[in-house]
Amino acid sequence: QAILDTSPPLTMPRYPLLNLPEFATVAARDHYTIRKQKV
């Protein structure tokens, strides 16, 4: 739980840079970025 609570500021901004299939379109990547930056 402590790792889960501490790691998002490290991991969340990196995921959309990794060329992962859930971000295969610009719309999908932007959708993720907007959602997570709000948090």
ModelCIF file with pLDDT and N, C-alpha, C, O atoms, coordinates in Angstrom:
data_MODEL
#
_entry.id   MODEL 
#
_entity.id                         1 
_entity.type                       polymer 
_entity.pdbx_number_of_molecules   1 
#
_entity_poly.entity_id                      1 
_entity_poly.type                           'polypeptide(L)' 
_entity_poly.nstd_linkage                   no 
_entity_poly.nstd_monomer                   no 
_entity_poly.pdbx_seq_one_letter_code       QAILDTSPPLTMPRYPLLNLPEFATVAARDHYTIRKQKV 
_entity_poly.pdbx_seq_one_letter_code_can   QAILDTSPPLTMPRYPLLNLPEFATVAARDHYTIRKQKV 
_entity_poly.pdbx_strand_id                 A 
#
loop_
_entity_poly_seq.entity_id 
_entity_poly_seq.num 
_entity_poly_seq.mon_id 
_entity_poly_seq.hetero 
1 1  GLN n 
1 2  ALA n 
1 3  ILE n 
1 4  LEU n 
1 5  ASP n 
1 6  THR n 
1 7  SER n 
1 8  PRO n 
1 9  PRO n 
1 10 LEU n 
1 11 THR n 
1 12 MET n 
1 13 PRO n 
1 14 ARG n 
1 15 TYR n 
1 16 PRO n 
1 17 LEU n 
1 18 LEU n 
1 19 ASN n 
1 20 LEU n 
1 21 PRO n 
1 22 GLU n 
1 23 PHE n 
1 24 ALA n 
1 25 THR n 
1 26 VAL n 
1 27 ALA n 
1 28 ALA n 
1 29 ARG n 
1 30 ASP n 
1 31 HIS n 
1 32 TYR n 
1 33 THR n 
1 34 ILE n 
1 35 ARG n 
1 36 LYS n 
1 37 GLN n 
1 38 LYS n 
1 39 VAL n 
#
_struct_asym.id          A 
_struct_asym.entity_id   1 
#
loop_
_ma_qa_metric.id 
_ma_qa_metric.mode 
_ma_qa_metric.name 
_ma_qa_metric.software_group_id 
_ma_qa_metric.type 
1 global pLDDT . pLDDT 
2 local  pLDDT . pLDDT 
#
_ma_qa_metric_global.metric_id      1 
_ma_qa_metric_global.metric_value   97.59 
_ma_qa_metric_global.model_id       1 
_ma_qa_metric_global.ordinal_id     1 
#
loop_
_ma_qa_metric_local.label_asym_id 
_ma_qa_metric_local.label_comp_id 
_ma_qa_metric_local.label_seq_id 
_ma_qa_metric_local.metric_id 
_ma_qa_metric_local.metric_value 
_ma_qa_metric_local.model_id 
_ma_qa_metric_local.ordinal_id 
A GLN 1  2 98.00 1 1  
A ALA 2  2 98.00 1 2  
A ILE 3  2 98.00 1 3  
A LEU 4  2 98.00 1 4  
A ASP 5  2 97.00 1 5  
A THR 6  2 98.00 1 6  
A SER 7  2 98.00 1 7  
A PRO 8  2 98.00 1 8  
A PRO 9  2 97.00 1 9  
A LEU 10 2 98.00 1 10 
A THR 11 2 98.00 1 11 
A MET 12 2 98.00 1 12 
A PRO 13 2 98.00 1 13 
A ARG 14 2 98.00 1 14 
A TYR 15 2 98.00 1 15 
A PRO 16 2 97.00 1 16 
A LEU 17 2 97.00 1 17 
A LEU 18 2 97.00 1 18 
A ASN 19 2 95.00 1 19 
A LEU 20 2 98.00 1 20 
A PRO 21 2 98.00 1 21 
A GLU 22 2 98.00 1 22 
A PHE 23 2 98.00 1 23 
A ALA 24 2 98.00 1 24 
A THR 25 2 98.00 1 25 
A VAL 26 2 98.00 1 26 
A ALA 27 2 98.00 1 27 
A ALA 28 2 98.00 1 28 
A ARG 29 2 98.00 1 29 
A ASP 30 2 98.00 1 30 
A HIS 31 2 97.00 1 31 
A TYR 32 2 98.00 1 32 
A THR 33 2 98.00 1 33 
A ILE 34 2 97.00 1 34 
A ARG 35 2 96.00 1 35 
A LYS 36 2 97.00 1 36 
A GLN 37 2 98.00 1 37 
A LYS 38 2 97.00 1 38 
A VAL 39 2 96.00 1 39 
#
loop_
_atom_site.group_PDB 
_atom_site.id 
_atom_site.type_symbol 
_atom_site.label_atom_id 
_atom_site.label_alt_id 
_atom_site.label_comp_id 
_atom_site.label_asym_id 
_atom_site.label_entity_id 
_atom_site.label_seq_id 
_atom_site.pdbx_PDB_ins_code 
_atom_site.Cartn_x 
_atom_site.Cartn_y 
_atom_site.Cartn_z 
_atom_site.occupancy 
_atom_site.B_iso_or_equiv 
_atom_site.pdbx_formal_charge 
_atom_site.auth_seq_id 
_atom_site.auth_comp_id 
_atom_site.auth_asym_id 
_atom_site.auth_atom_id 
_atom_site.pdbx_PDB_model_num 
ATOM 1   N N  . GLN A 1 1  ? 0.825  -1.206 0.000   1.00 98.00 ? 1  GLN A N  1 
ATOM 2   C CA . GLN A 1 1  ? 0.000  0.000  0.000   1.00 98.00 ? 1  GLN A CA 1 
ATOM 3   C C  . GLN A 1 1  ? 0.856  1.251  0.000   1.00 98.00 ? 1  GLN A C  1 
ATOM 4   O O  . GLN A 1 1  ? 0.523  2.238  -0.657  1.00 98.00 ? 1  GLN A O  1 
ATOM 5   N N  . ALA A 1 2  ? 1.961  1.215  0.735   1.00 98.00 ? 2  ALA A N  1 
ATOM 6   C CA . ALA A 1 2  ? 2.853  2.376  0.778   1.00 98.00 ? 2  ALA A CA 1 
ATOM 7   C C  . ALA A 1 2  ? 3.482  2.628  -0.596  1.00 98.00 ? 2  ALA A C  1 
ATOM 8   O O  . ALA A 1 2  ? 3.597  3.777  -1.022  1.00 98.00 ? 2  ALA A O  1 
ATOM 9   N N  . ILE A 1 3  ? 3.886  1.572  -1.283  1.00 98.00 ? 3  ILE A N  1 
ATOM 10  C CA . ILE A 1 3  ? 4.437  1.728  -2.630  1.00 98.00 ? 3  ILE A CA 1 
ATOM 11  C C  . ILE A 1 3  ? 3.361  2.266  -3.569  1.00 98.00 ? 3  ILE A C  1 
ATOM 12  O O  . ILE A 1 3  ? 3.622  3.152  -4.382  1.00 98.00 ? 3  ILE A O  1 
ATOM 13  N N  . LEU A 1 4  ? 2.158  1.726  -3.450  1.00 98.00 ? 4  LEU A N  1 
ATOM 14  C CA . LEU A 1 4  ? 1.050  2.176  -4.289  1.00 98.00 ? 4  LEU A CA 1 
ATOM 15  C C  . LEU A 1 4  ? 0.732  3.649  -4.046  1.00 98.00 ? 4  LEU A C  1 
ATOM 16  O O  . LEU A 1 4  ? 0.409  4.375  -4.986  1.00 98.00 ? 4  LEU A O  1 
ATOM 17  N N  . ASP A 1 5  ? 0.820  4.088  -2.817  1.00 97.00 ? 5  ASP A N  1 
ATOM 18  C CA . ASP A 1 5  ? 0.515  5.478  -2.488  1.00 97.00 ? 5  ASP A CA 1 
ATOM 19  C C  . ASP A 1 5  ? 1.606  6.440  -2.968  1.00 97.00 ? 5  ASP A C  1 
ATOM 20  O O  . ASP A 1 5  ? 1.320  7.595  -3.282  1.00 97.00 ? 5  ASP A O  1 
ATOM 21  N N  . THR A 1 6  ? 2.846  5.971  -3.023  1.00 98.00 ? 6  THR A N  1 
ATOM 22  C CA . THR A 1 6  ? 3.993  6.847  -3.293  1.00 98.00 ? 6  THR A CA 1 
ATOM 23  C C  . THR A 1 6  ? 4.382  6.889  -4.767  1.00 98.00 ? 6  THR A C  1 
ATOM 24  O O  . THR A 1 6  ? 4.955  7.879  -5.221  1.00 98.00 ? 6  THR A O  1 
ATOM 25  N N  . SER A 1 7  ? 4.084  5.839  -5.516  1.00 98.00 ? 7  SER A N  1 
ATOM 26  C CA . SER A 1 7  ? 4.645  5.694  -6.864  1.00 98.00 ? 7  SER A CA 1 
ATOM 27  C C  . SER A 1 7  ? 3.924  6.444  -7.990  1.00 98.00 ? 7  SER A C  1 
ATOM 28  O O  . SER A 1 7  ? 4.578  6.740  -8.990  1.00 98.00 ? 7  SER A O  1 
ATOM 29  N N  . PRO A 1 8  ? 2.638  6.772  -7.907  1.00 98.00 ? 8  PRO A N  1 
ATOM 30  C CA . PRO A 1 8  ? 1.976  7.384  -9.068  1.00 98.00 ? 8  PRO A CA 1 
ATOM 31  C C  . PRO A 1 8  ? 2.645  8.623  -9.643  1.00 98.00 ? 8  PRO A C  1 
ATOM 32  O O  . PRO A 1 8  ? 2.670  8.752  -10.867 1.00 98.00 ? 8  PRO A O  1 
ATOM 33  N N  . PRO A 1 9  ? 3.198  9.560  -8.841  1.00 97.00 ? 9  PRO A N  1 
ATOM 34  C CA . PRO A 1 9  ? 3.857  10.710 -9.462  1.00 97.00 ? 9  PRO A CA 1 
ATOM 35  C C  . PRO A 1 9  ? 5.065  10.332 -10.323 1.00 97.00 ? 9  PRO A C  1 
ATOM 36  O O  . PRO A 1 9  ? 5.479  11.094 -11.196 1.00 97.00 ? 9  PRO A O  1 
ATOM 37  N N  . LEU A 1 10 ? 5.622  9.150  -10.067 1.00 98.00 ? 10 LEU A N  1 
ATOM 38  C CA . LEU A 1 10 ? 6.722  8.649  -10.888 1.00 98.00 ? 10 LEU A CA 1 
ATOM 39  C C  . LEU A 1 10 ? 6.225  7.902  -12.120 1.00 98.00 ? 10 LEU A C  1 
ATOM 40  O O  . LEU A 1 10 ? 6.749  8.084  -13.219 1.00 98.00 ? 10 LEU A O  1 
ATOM 41  N N  . THR A 1 11 ? 5.220  7.066  -11.931 1.00 98.00 ? 11 THR A N  1 
ATOM 42  C CA . THR A 1 11 ? 4.801  6.166  -13.009 1.00 98.00 ? 11 THR A CA 1 
ATOM 43  C C  . THR A 1 11 ? 3.798  6.788  -13.973 1.00 98.00 ? 11 THR A C  1 
ATOM 44  O O  . THR A 1 11 ? 3.920  6.623  -15.187 1.00 98.00 ? 11 THR A O  1 
ATOM 45  N N  . MET A 1 12 ? 2.822  7.492  -13.448 1.00 98.00 ? 12 MET A N  1 
ATOM 46  C CA . MET A 1 12 ? 1.746  8.007  -14.296 1.00 98.00 ? 12 MET A CA 1 
ATOM 47  C C  . MET A 1 12 ? 2.242  8.921  -15.417 1.00 98.00 ? 12 MET A C  1 
ATOM 48  O O  . MET A 1 12 ? 1.740  8.813  -16.535 1.00 98.00 ? 12 MET A O  1 
ATOM 49  N N  . PRO A 1 13 ? 3.215  9.827  -15.169 1.00 98.00 ? 13 PRO A N  1 
ATOM 50  C CA . PRO A 1 13 ? 3.671  10.701 -16.251 1.00 98.00 ? 13 PRO A CA 1 
ATOM 51  C C  . PRO A 1 13 ? 4.528  9.976  -17.299 1.00 98.00 ? 13 PRO A C  1 
ATOM 52  O O  . PRO A 1 13 ? 4.802  10.526 -18.365 1.00 98.00 ? 13 PRO A O  1 
ATOM 53  N N  . ARG A 1 14 ? 4.945  8.750  -16.997 1.00 98.00 ? 14 ARG A N  1 
ATOM 54  C CA . ARG A 1 14 ? 5.819  8.026  -17.916 1.00 98.00 ? 14 ARG A CA 1 
ATOM 55  C C  . ARG A 1 14 ? 5.060  7.081  -18.837 1.00 98.00 ? 14 ARG A C  1 
ATOM 56  O O  . ARG A 1 14 ? 5.475  6.858  -19.975 1.00 98.00 ? 14 ARG A O  1 
ATOM 57  N N  . TYR A 1 15 ? 3.965  6.530  -18.361 1.00 98.00 ? 15 TYR A N  1 
ATOM 58  C CA . TYR A 1 15 ? 3.247  5.530  -19.153 1.00 98.00 ? 15 TYR A CA 1 
ATOM 59  C C  . TYR A 1 15 ? 2.922  5.991  -20.577 1.00 98.00 ? 15 TYR A C  1 
ATOM 60  O O  . TYR A 1 15 ? 3.126  5.222  -21.517 1.00 98.00 ? 15 TYR A O  1 
ATOM 61  N N  . PRO A 1 16 ? 2.420  7.224  -20.773 1.00 97.00 ? 16 PRO A N  1 
ATOM 62  C CA . PRO A 1 16 ? 2.063  7.605  -22.153 1.00 97.00 ? 16 PRO A CA 1 
ATOM 63  C C  . PRO A 1 16 ? 3.265  7.817  -23.065 1.00 97.00 ? 16 PRO A C  1 
ATOM 64  O O  . PRO A 1 16 ? 3.102  8.027  -24.266 1.00 97.00 ? 16 PRO A O  1 
ATOM 65  N N  . LEU A 1 17 ? 4.469  7.764  -22.505 1.00 97.00 ? 17 LEU A N  1 
ATOM 66  C CA . LEU A 1 17 ? 5.682  7.910  -23.309 1.00 97.00 ? 17 LEU A CA 1 
ATOM 67  C C  . LEU A 1 17 ? 6.255  6.553  -23.736 1.00 97.00 ? 17 LEU A C  1 
ATOM 68  O O  . LEU A 1 17 ? 7.269  6.509  -24.433 1.00 97.00 ? 17 LEU A O  1 
ATOM 69  N N  . LEU A 1 18 ? 5.631  5.463  -23.335 1.00 97.00 ? 18 LEU A N  1 
ATOM 70  C CA . LEU A 1 18 ? 6.215  4.134  -23.506 1.00 97.00 ? 18 LEU A CA 1 
ATOM 71  C C  . LEU A 1 18 ? 5.736  3.403  -24.756 1.00 97.00 ? 18 LEU A C  1 
ATOM 72  O O  . LEU A 1 18 ? 6.090  2.243  -24.966 1.00 97.00 ? 18 LEU A O  1 
ATOM 73  N N  . ASN A 1 19 ? 4.945  4.059  -25.579 1.00 95.00 ? 19 ASN A N  1 
ATOM 74  C CA . ASN A 1 19 ? 4.467  3.432  -26.817 1.00 95.00 ? 19 ASN A CA 1 
ATOM 75  C C  . ASN A 1 19 ? 3.678  2.158  -26.535 1.00 95.00 ? 19 ASN A C  1 
ATOM 76  O O  . ASN A 1 19 ? 3.860  1.141  -27.204 1.00 95.00 ? 19 ASN A O  1 
ATOM 77  N N  . LEU A 1 20 ? 2.805  2.225  -25.543 1.00 98.00 ? 20 LEU A N  1 
ATOM 78  C CA . LEU A 1 20 ? 1.988  1.077  -25.164 1.00 98.00 ? 20 LEU A CA 1 
ATOM 79  C C  . LEU A 1 20 ? 0.711  1.035  -25.997 1.00 98.00 ? 20 LEU A C  1 
ATOM 80  O O  . LEU A 1 20 ? 0.254  2.074  -26.474 1.00 98.00 ? 20 LEU A O  1 
ATOM 81  N N  . PRO A 1 21 ? 0.129  -0.146 -26.180 1.00 98.00 ? 21 PRO A N  1 
ATOM 82  C CA . PRO A 1 21 ? -1.010 -0.271 -27.103 1.00 98.00 ? 21 PRO A CA 1 
ATOM 83  C C  . PRO A 1 21 ? -2.256 0.484  -26.670 1.00 98.00 ? 21 PRO A C  1 
ATOM 84  O O  . PRO A 1 21 ? -3.061 0.859  -27.522 1.00 98.00 ? 21 PRO A O  1 
ATOM 85  N N  . GLU A 1 22 ? -2.446 0.720  -25.381 1.00 98.00 ? 22 GLU A N  1 
ATOM 86  C CA . GLU A 1 22 ? -3.609 1.481  -24.940 1.00 98.00 ? 22 GLU A CA 1 
ATOM 87  C C  . GLU A 1 22 ? -3.515 2.956  -25.317 1.00 98.00 ? 22 GLU A C  1 
ATOM 88  O O  . GLU A 1 22 ? -4.493 3.696  -25.213 1.00 98.00 ? 22 GLU A O  1 
ATOM 89  N N  . PHE A 1 23 ? -2.318 3.380  -25.759 1.00 98.00 ? 23 PHE A N  1 
ATOM 90  C CA . PHE A 1 23 ? -2.101 4.754  -26.207 1.00 98.00 ? 23 PHE A CA 1 
ATOM 91  C C  . PHE A 1 23 ? -1.781 4.791  -27.699 1.00 98.00 ? 23 PHE A C  1 
ATOM 92  O O  . PHE A 1 23 ? -1.027 5.653  -28.149 1.00 98.00 ? 23 PHE A O  1 
ATOM 93  N N  . ALA A 1 24 ? -2.344 3.868  -28.465 1.00 98.00 ? 24 ALA A N  1 
ATOM 94  C CA . ALA A 1 24 ? -1.998 3.721  -29.880 1.00 98.00 ? 24 ALA A CA 1 
ATOM 95  C C  . ALA A 1 24 ? -2.494 4.872  -30.746 1.00 98.00 ? 24 ALA A C  1 
ATOM 96  O O  . ALA A 1 24 ? -2.014 5.058  -31.864 1.00 98.00 ? 24 ALA A O  1 
ATOM 97  N N  . THR A 1 25 ? -3.447 5.641  -30.243 1.00 98.00 ? 25 THR A N  1 
ATOM 98  C CA . THR A 1 25 ? -3.933 6.793  -30.984 1.00 98.00 ? 25 THR A CA 1 
ATOM 99  C C  . THR A 1 25 ? -3.677 8.063  -30.181 1.00 98.00 ? 25 THR A C  1 
ATOM 100 O O  . THR A 1 25 ? -3.538 8.019  -28.959 1.00 98.00 ? 25 THR A O  1 
ATOM 101 N N  . VAL A 1 26 ? -3.616 9.176  -30.870 1.00 98.00 ? 26 VAL A N  1 
ATOM 102 C CA . VAL A 1 26 ? -3.431 10.464 -30.192 1.00 98.00 ? 26 VAL A CA 1 
ATOM 103 C C  . VAL A 1 26 ? -4.594 10.724 -29.236 1.00 98.00 ? 26 VAL A C  1 
ATOM 104 O O  . VAL A 1 26 ? -4.401 11.233 -28.131 1.00 98.00 ? 26 VAL A O  1 
ATOM 105 N N  . ALA A 1 27 ? -5.793 10.372 -29.669 1.00 98.00 ? 27 ALA A N  1 
ATOM 106 C CA . ALA A 1 27 ? -6.977 10.597 -28.827 1.00 98.00 ? 27 ALA A CA 1 
ATOM 107 C C  . ALA A 1 27 ? -6.883 9.799  -27.533 1.00 98.00 ? 27 ALA A C  1 
ATOM 108 O O  . ALA A 1 27 ? -7.239 10.302 -26.467 1.00 98.00 ? 27 ALA A O  1 
ATOM 109 N N  . ALA A 1 28 ? -6.409 8.565  -27.617 1.00 98.00 ? 28 ALA A N  1 
ATOM 110 C CA . ALA A 1 28 ? -6.292 7.728  -26.418 1.00 98.00 ? 28 ALA A CA 1 
ATOM 111 C C  . ALA A 1 28 ? -5.231 8.282  -25.470 1.00 98.00 ? 28 ALA A C  1 
ATOM 112 O O  . ALA A 1 28 ? -5.439 8.321  -24.258 1.00 98.00 ? 28 ALA A O  1 
ATOM 113 N N  . ARG A 1 29 ? -4.109 8.706  -26.015 1.00 98.00 ? 29 ARG A N  1 
ATOM 114 C CA . ARG A 1 29 ? -3.036 9.253  -25.184 1.00 98.00 ? 29 ARG A CA 1 
ATOM 115 C C  . ARG A 1 29 ? -3.469 10.558 -24.535 1.00 98.00 ? 29 ARG A C  1 
ATOM 116 O O  . ARG A 1 29 ? -3.196 10.792 -23.358 1.00 98.00 ? 29 ARG A O  1 
ATOM 117 N N  . ASP A 1 30 ? -4.142 11.406 -25.298 1.00 98.00 ? 30 ASP A N  1 
ATOM 118 C CA . ASP A 1 30 ? -4.624 12.670 -24.735 1.00 98.00 ? 30 ASP A CA 1 
ATOM 119 C C  . ASP A 1 30 ? -5.680 12.424 -23.659 1.00 98.00 ? 30 ASP A C  1 
ATOM 120 O O  . ASP A 1 30 ? -5.721 13.127 -22.650 1.00 98.00 ? 30 ASP A O  1 
ATOM 121 N N  . HIS A 1 31 ? -6.526 11.432 -23.877 1.00 97.00 ? 31 HIS A N  1 
ATOM 122 C CA . HIS A 1 31 ? -7.568 11.100 -22.898 1.00 97.00 ? 31 HIS A CA 1 
ATOM 123 C C  . HIS A 1 31 ? -6.935 10.716 -21.566 1.00 97.00 ? 31 HIS A C  1 
ATOM 124 O O  . HIS A 1 31 ? -7.364 11.182 -20.511 1.00 97.00 ? 31 HIS A O  1 
ATOM 125 N N  . TYR A 1 32 ? -5.922 9.871  -21.618 1.00 98.00 ? 32 TYR A N  1 
ATOM 126 C CA . TYR A 1 32 ? -5.216 9.456  -20.406 1.00 98.00 ? 32 TYR A CA 1 
ATOM 127 C C  . TYR A 1 32 ? -4.554 10.656 -19.730 1.00 98.00 ? 32 TYR A C  1 
ATOM 128 O O  . TYR A 1 32 ? -4.687 10.846 -18.521 1.00 98.00 ? 32 TYR A O  1 
ATOM 129 N N  . THR A 1 33 ? -3.847 11.458 -20.512 1.00 98.00 ? 33 THR A N  1 
ATOM 130 C CA . THR A 1 33 ? -3.096 12.578 -19.958 1.00 98.00 ? 33 THR A CA 1 
ATOM 131 C C  . THR A 1 33 ? -4.016 13.572 -19.264 1.00 98.00 ? 33 THR A C  1 
ATOM 132 O O  . THR A 1 33 ? -3.710 14.044 -18.169 1.00 98.00 ? 33 THR A O  1 
ATOM 133 N N  . ILE A 1 34 ? -5.122 13.888 -19.886 1.00 97.00 ? 34 ILE A N  1 
ATOM 134 C CA . ILE A 1 34 ? -6.066 14.840 -19.290 1.00 97.00 ? 34 ILE A CA 1 
ATOM 135 C C  . ILE A 1 34 ? -6.643 14.283 -17.991 1.00 97.00 ? 34 ILE A C  1 
ATOM 136 O O  . ILE A 1 34 ? -6.725 14.990 -16.986 1.00 97.00 ? 34 ILE A O  1 
ATOM 137 N N  . ARG A 1 35 ? -7.041 13.013 -18.018 1.00 96.00 ? 35 ARG A N  1 
ATOM 138 C CA . ARG A 1 35 ? -7.617 12.387 -16.818 1.00 96.00 ? 35 ARG A CA 1 
ATOM 139 C C  . ARG A 1 35 ? -6.632 12.404 -15.659 1.00 96.00 ? 35 ARG A C  1 
ATOM 140 O O  . ARG A 1 35 ? -6.980 12.801 -14.547 1.00 96.00 ? 35 ARG A O  1 
ATOM 141 N N  . LYS A 1 36 ? -5.416 11.977 -15.917 1.00 97.00 ? 36 LYS A N  1 
ATOM 142 C CA . LYS A 1 36 ? -4.454 11.812 -14.835 1.00 97.00 ? 36 LYS A CA 1 
ATOM 143 C C  . LYS A 1 36 ? -3.879 13.144 -14.353 1.00 97.00 ? 36 LYS A C  1 
ATOM 144 O O  . LYS A 1 36 ? -3.569 13.289 -13.170 1.00 97.00 ? 36 LYS A O  1 
ATOM 145 N N  . GLN A 1 37 ? -3.735 14.113 -15.253 1.00 98.00 ? 37 GLN A N  1 
ATOM 146 C CA . GLN A 1 37 ? -3.219 15.405 -14.813 1.00 98.00 ? 37 GLN A CA 1 
ATOM 147 C C  . GLN A 1 37 ? -4.206 16.118 -13.889 1.00 98.00 ? 37 GLN A C  1 
ATOM 148 O O  . GLN A 1 37 ? -3.798 16.927 -13.056 1.00 98.00 ? 37 GLN A O  1 
ATOM 149 N N  . LYS A 1 38 ? -5.487 15.827 -14.026 1.00 97.00 ? 38 LYS A N  1 
ATOM 150 C CA . LYS A 1 38 ? -6.469 16.390 -13.097 1.00 97.00 ? 38 LYS A CA 1 
ATOM 151 C C  . LYS A 1 38 ? -6.226 15.903 -11.669 1.00 97.00 ? 38 LYS A C  1 
ATOM 152 O O  . LYS A 1 38 ? -6.541 16.597 -10.703 1.00 97.00 ? 38 LYS A O  1 
ATOM 153 N N  . VAL A 1 39 ? -5.665 14.707 -11.552 1.00 96.00 ? 39 VAL A N  1 
ATOM 154 C CA . VAL A 1 39 ? -5.427 14.101 -10.236 1.00 96.00 ? 39 VAL A CA 1 
ATOM 155 C C  . VAL A 1 39 ? -4.027 14.422 -9.719  1.00 96.00 ? 39 VAL A C  1 
ATOM 156 O O  . VAL A 1 39 ? -3.659 13.991 -8.626  1.00 96.00 ? 39 VAL A O  1 
#
